[in-house]
Amino acid sequence: MNRPFPLIWLALFLLLVVPTTAGRFFLDVAGGLMIIFFTLPILLTGLGWIGWKVLESRMNNCNTCGATFFNDVIQCPICGGMDFTKRNGKKSESKDSDSIPASTATIDVVAEVTDSEN
């Protein structure tokens, strides 16, 4: 009969149960590993969610065909349409070549004096 010697298991049990320096060290290491084991999935989930939101903010939807693509294109790669909606539902600006920003547009008003003699 080739049974394992229980002295190793007994020594490990005594290290964990008896409050010695080595026993406290092993319990502290085990506690640290448990904290890492339980917090790592939560941290990875949070980082994945943040990455998804960043990626989603850089996407557009075509109102013509419904395709989804990145913001850096001028027209839809599927249908060639120019009518885009941001992924979060907001309308994106038109990328026409003849459009100018509203801050540079001016309205010239000319006042005329009229003589009304009745």
C-alpha atoms as a PDB file:
ATOM      1  CA  MET A   1       0.000   0.000   0.000  1.00  0.00           C
ATOM      2  CA  ASN A   2       1.402   3.251  -1.157  1.00  0.00           C
ATOM      3  CA  ARG A   3      -0.493   5.914   0.796  1.00  0.00           C
ATOM      4  CA  PRO A   4       0.720   9.534   0.940  1.00  0.00           C
ATOM      5  CA  PHE A   5       2.197  10.555   4.213  1.00  0.00           C
ATOM      6  CA  PRO A   6      -0.259  12.806   6.137  1.00  0.00           C
ATOM      7  CA  LEU A   7       2.544  14.791   7.738  1.00  0.00           C
ATOM      8  CA  ILE A   8       2.551  17.299   4.838  1.00  0.00           C
ATOM      9  CA  TRP A   9      -1.192  17.882   5.158  1.00  0.00           C
ATOM     10  CA  LEU A  10      -0.908  18.137   8.917  1.00  0.00           C
ATOM     11  CA  ALA A  11       1.889  20.710   8.641  1.00  0.00           C
ATOM     12  CA  LEU A  12      -0.138  22.790   6.163  1.00  0.00           C
ATOM     13  CA  PHE A  13      -3.186  22.632   8.410  1.00  0.00           C
ATOM     14  CA  LEU A  14      -1.149  23.718  11.427  1.00  0.00           C
ATOM     15  CA  LEU A  15       0.350  26.631   9.470  1.00  0.00           C
ATOM     16  CA  LEU A  16      -3.113  27.896   8.593  1.00  0.00           C
ATOM     17  CA  VAL A  17      -4.820  27.270  11.909  1.00  0.00           C
ATOM     18  CA  VAL A  18      -2.119  28.088  14.427  1.00  0.00           C
ATOM     19  CA  PRO A  19      -1.591  31.882  14.590  1.00  0.00           C
ATOM     20  CA  THR A  20       2.067  31.999  13.660  1.00  0.00           C
ATOM     21  CA  THR A  21       3.864  34.395  11.352  1.00  0.00           C
ATOM     22  CA  ALA A  22       3.906  31.872   8.515  1.00  0.00           C
ATOM     23  CA  GLY A  23       0.222  31.077   9.011  1.00  0.00           C
ATOM     24  CA  ARG A  24      -0.728  34.749   8.929  1.00  0.00           C
ATOM     25  CA  PHE A  25       1.382  35.218   5.800  1.00  0.00           C
ATOM     26  CA  PHE A  26      -0.407  32.385   3.974  1.00  0.00           C
ATOM     27  CA  LEU A  27      -3.809  33.718   5.043  1.00  0.00           C
ATOM     28  CA  ASP A  28      -2.891  37.229   3.881  1.00  0.00           C
ATOM     29  CA  VAL A  29      -1.757  35.896   0.501  1.00  0.00           C
ATOM     30  CA  ALA A  30      -4.945  33.866   0.168  1.00  0.00           C
ATOM     31  CA  GLY A  31      -7.046  36.915   1.077  1.00  0.00           C
ATOM     32  CA  GLY A  32      -5.227  39.057  -1.483  1.00  0.00           C
ATOM     33  CA  LEU A  33      -5.758  36.433  -4.173  1.00  0.00           C
ATOM     34  CA  MET A  34      -9.472  36.275  -3.339  1.00  0.00           C
ATOM     35  CA  ILE A  35      -9.777  40.060  -3.627  1.00  0.00           C
ATOM     36  CA  ILE A  36      -8.061  39.978  -7.014  1.00  0.00           C
ATOM     37  CA  PHE A  37     -10.209  37.037  -8.091  1.00  0.00           C
ATOM     38  CA  PHE A  38     -13.440  38.887  -7.308  1.00  0.00           C
ATOM     39  CA  THR A  39     -12.511  42.425  -8.423  1.00  0.00           C
ATOM     40  CA  LEU A  40     -10.772  41.606 -11.718  1.00  0.00           C
ATOM     41  CA  PRO A  41     -14.001  40.683 -13.592  1.00  0.00           C
ATOM     42  CA  ILE A  42     -15.682  43.871 -12.357  1.00  0.00           C
ATOM     43  CA  LEU A  43     -12.742  46.012 -13.505  1.00  0.00           C
ATOM     44  CA  LEU A  44     -12.584  44.285 -16.894  1.00  0.00           C
ATOM     45  CA  THR A  45     -16.324  44.756 -17.376  1.00  0.00           C
ATOM     46  CA  GLY A  46     -16.030  48.469 -16.590  1.00  0.00           C
ATOM     47  CA  LEU A  47     -13.131  48.921 -19.001  1.00  0.00           C
ATOM     48  CA  GLY A  48     -15.030  47.058 -21.721  1.00  0.00           C
ATOM     49  CA  TRP A  49     -18.097  49.264 -21.206  1.00  0.00           C
ATOM     50  CA  ILE A  50     -16.001  52.439 -21.438  1.00  0.00           C
ATOM     51  CA  GLY A  51     -14.336  51.155 -24.610  1.00  0.00           C
ATOM     52  CA  TRP A  52     -17.725  50.346 -26.140  1.00  0.00           C
ATOM     53  CA  LYS A  53     -19.062  53.840 -25.363  1.00  0.00           C
ATOM     54  CA  VAL A  54     -15.984  55.463 -26.944  1.00  0.00           C
ATOM     55  CA  LEU A  55     -16.369  53.302 -30.046  1.00  0.00           C
ATOM     56  CA  GLU A  56     -20.109  53.973 -30.189  1.00  0.00           C
ATOM     57  CA  SER A  57     -19.570  57.753 -30.035  1.00  0.00           C
ATOM     58  CA  ARG A  58     -17.459  57.512 -33.195  1.00  0.00           C
ATOM     59  CA  MET A  59     -20.170  55.794 -35.242  1.00  0.00           C
ATOM     60  CA  ASN A  60     -22.787  57.210 -37.642  1.00  0.00           C
ATOM     61  CA  ASN A  61     -25.968  55.693 -39.065  1.00  0.00           C
ATOM     62  CA  CYS A  62     -27.121  56.340 -42.611  1.00  0.00           C
ATOM     63  CA  ASN A  63     -30.757  57.463 -42.721  1.00  0.00           C
ATOM     64  CA  THR A  64     -31.141  56.147 -46.265  1.00  0.00           C
ATOM     65  CA  CYS A  65     -29.989  52.526 -45.957  1.00  0.00           C
ATOM     66  CA  GLY A  66     -29.402  52.080 -42.198  1.00  0.00           C
ATOM     67  CA  ALA A  67     -25.712  51.170 -42.459  1.00  0.00           C
ATOM     68  CA  THR A  68     -23.423  51.902 -39.508  1.00  0.00           C
ATOM     69  CA  PHE A  69     -19.941  53.301 -40.133  1.00  0.00           C
ATOM     70  CA  PHE A  70     -17.251  55.507 -38.574  1.00  0.00           C
ATOM     71  CA  ASN A  71     -17.401  59.322 -38.531  1.00  0.00           C
ATOM     72  CA  ASP A  72     -14.425  59.864 -40.826  1.00  0.00           C
ATOM     73  CA  VAL A  73     -16.306  59.155 -44.069  1.00  0.00           C
ATOM     74  CA  ILE A  74     -17.990  61.873 -46.125  1.00  0.00           C
ATOM     75  CA  GLN A  75     -20.713  59.712 -47.645  1.00  0.00           C
ATOM     76  CA  CYS A  76     -22.269  56.343 -46.860  1.00  0.00           C
ATOM     77  CA  PRO A  77     -20.042  53.502 -48.119  1.00  0.00           C
ATOM     78  CA  ILE A  78     -23.099  51.365 -48.946  1.00  0.00           C
ATOM     79  CA  CYS A  79     -25.557  53.660 -50.723  1.00  0.00           C
ATOM     80  CA  GLY A  80     -23.620  56.918 -51.184  1.00  0.00           C
ATOM     81  CA  GLY A  81     -26.149  58.941 -49.167  1.00  0.00           C
ATOM     82  CA  MET A  82     -25.159  62.106 -47.304  1.00  0.00           C
ATOM     83  CA  ASP A  83     -27.874  62.058 -44.601  1.00  0.00           C
ATOM     84  CA  PHE A  84     -26.235  60.829 -41.368  1.00  0.00           C
ATOM     85  CA  THR A  85     -27.469  60.432 -37.820  1.00  0.00           C
ATOM     86  CA  LYS A  86     -25.070  59.944 -34.933  1.00  0.00           C
ATOM     87  CA  ARG A  87     -25.343  56.593 -33.172  1.00  0.00           C
ATOM     88  CA  ASN A  88     -26.864  58.249 -30.081  1.00  0.00           C
ATOM     89  CA  GLY A  89     -29.705  59.726 -32.164  1.00  0.00           C
ATOM     90  CA  LYS A  90     -28.413  63.257 -32.748  1.00  0.00           C
ATOM     91  CA  LYS A  91     -28.302  64.619 -36.260  1.00  0.00           C
ATOM     92  CA  SER A  92     -24.769  65.175 -37.539  1.00  0.00           C
ATOM     93  CA  GLU A  93     -23.787  68.228 -39.493  1.00  0.00           C
ATOM     94  CA  SER A  94     -24.100  68.176 -43.251  1.00  0.00           C
ATOM     95  CA  LYS A  95     -20.774  67.883 -45.024  1.00  0.00           C
ATOM     96  CA  ASP A  96     -21.724  69.855 -48.140  1.00  0.00           C
ATOM     97  CA  SER A  97     -18.863  71.690 -49.826  1.00  0.00           C
ATOM     98  CA  ASP A  98     -20.850  74.952 -50.197  1.00  0.00           C
ATOM     99  CA  SER A  99     -21.967  75.199 -46.559  1.00  0.00           C
ATOM    100  CA  ILE A 100     -20.379  77.795 -44.275  1.00  0.00           C
ATOM    101  CA  PRO A 101     -20.480  78.060 -40.498  1.00  0.00           C
ATOM    102  CA  ALA A 102     -23.223  80.262 -39.077  1.00  0.00           C
ATOM    103  CA  SER A 103     -20.700  82.342 -37.156  1.00  0.00           C
ATOM    104  CA  THR A 104     -19.192  83.668 -40.412  1.00  0.00           C
ATOM    105  CA  ALA A 105     -22.483  84.428 -42.163  1.00  0.00           C
ATOM    106  CA  THR A 106     -23.600  88.066 -42.153  1.00  0.00           C
ATOM    107  CA  ILE A 107     -26.799  89.769 -43.191  1.00  0.00           C
ATOM    108  CA  ASP A 108     -26.465  93.135 -44.867  1.00  0.00           C
ATOM    109  CA  VAL A 109     -29.344  95.500 -44.169  1.00  0.00           C
ATOM    110  CA  VAL A 110     -29.821  98.564 -46.328  1.00  0.00           C
ATOM    111  CA  ALA A 111     -32.082 101.345 -45.113  1.00  0.00           C
ATOM    112  CA  GLU A 112     -33.843 103.441 -47.745  1.00  0.00           C
ATOM    113  CA  VAL A 113     -35.613 106.694 -47.194  1.00  0.00           C
ATOM    114  CA  THR A 114     -38.829 107.019 -49.142  1.00  0.00           C
ATOM    115  CA  ASP A 115     -40.666 110.261 -49.806  1.00  0.00           C
ATOM    116  CA  SER A 116     -44.341 109.712 -49.537  1.00  0.00           C
ATOM    117  CA  GLU A 117     -46.272 112.719 -50.793  1.00  0.00           C
ATOM    118  CA  ASN A 118     -49.995 112.346 -50.900  1.00  0.00           C
END
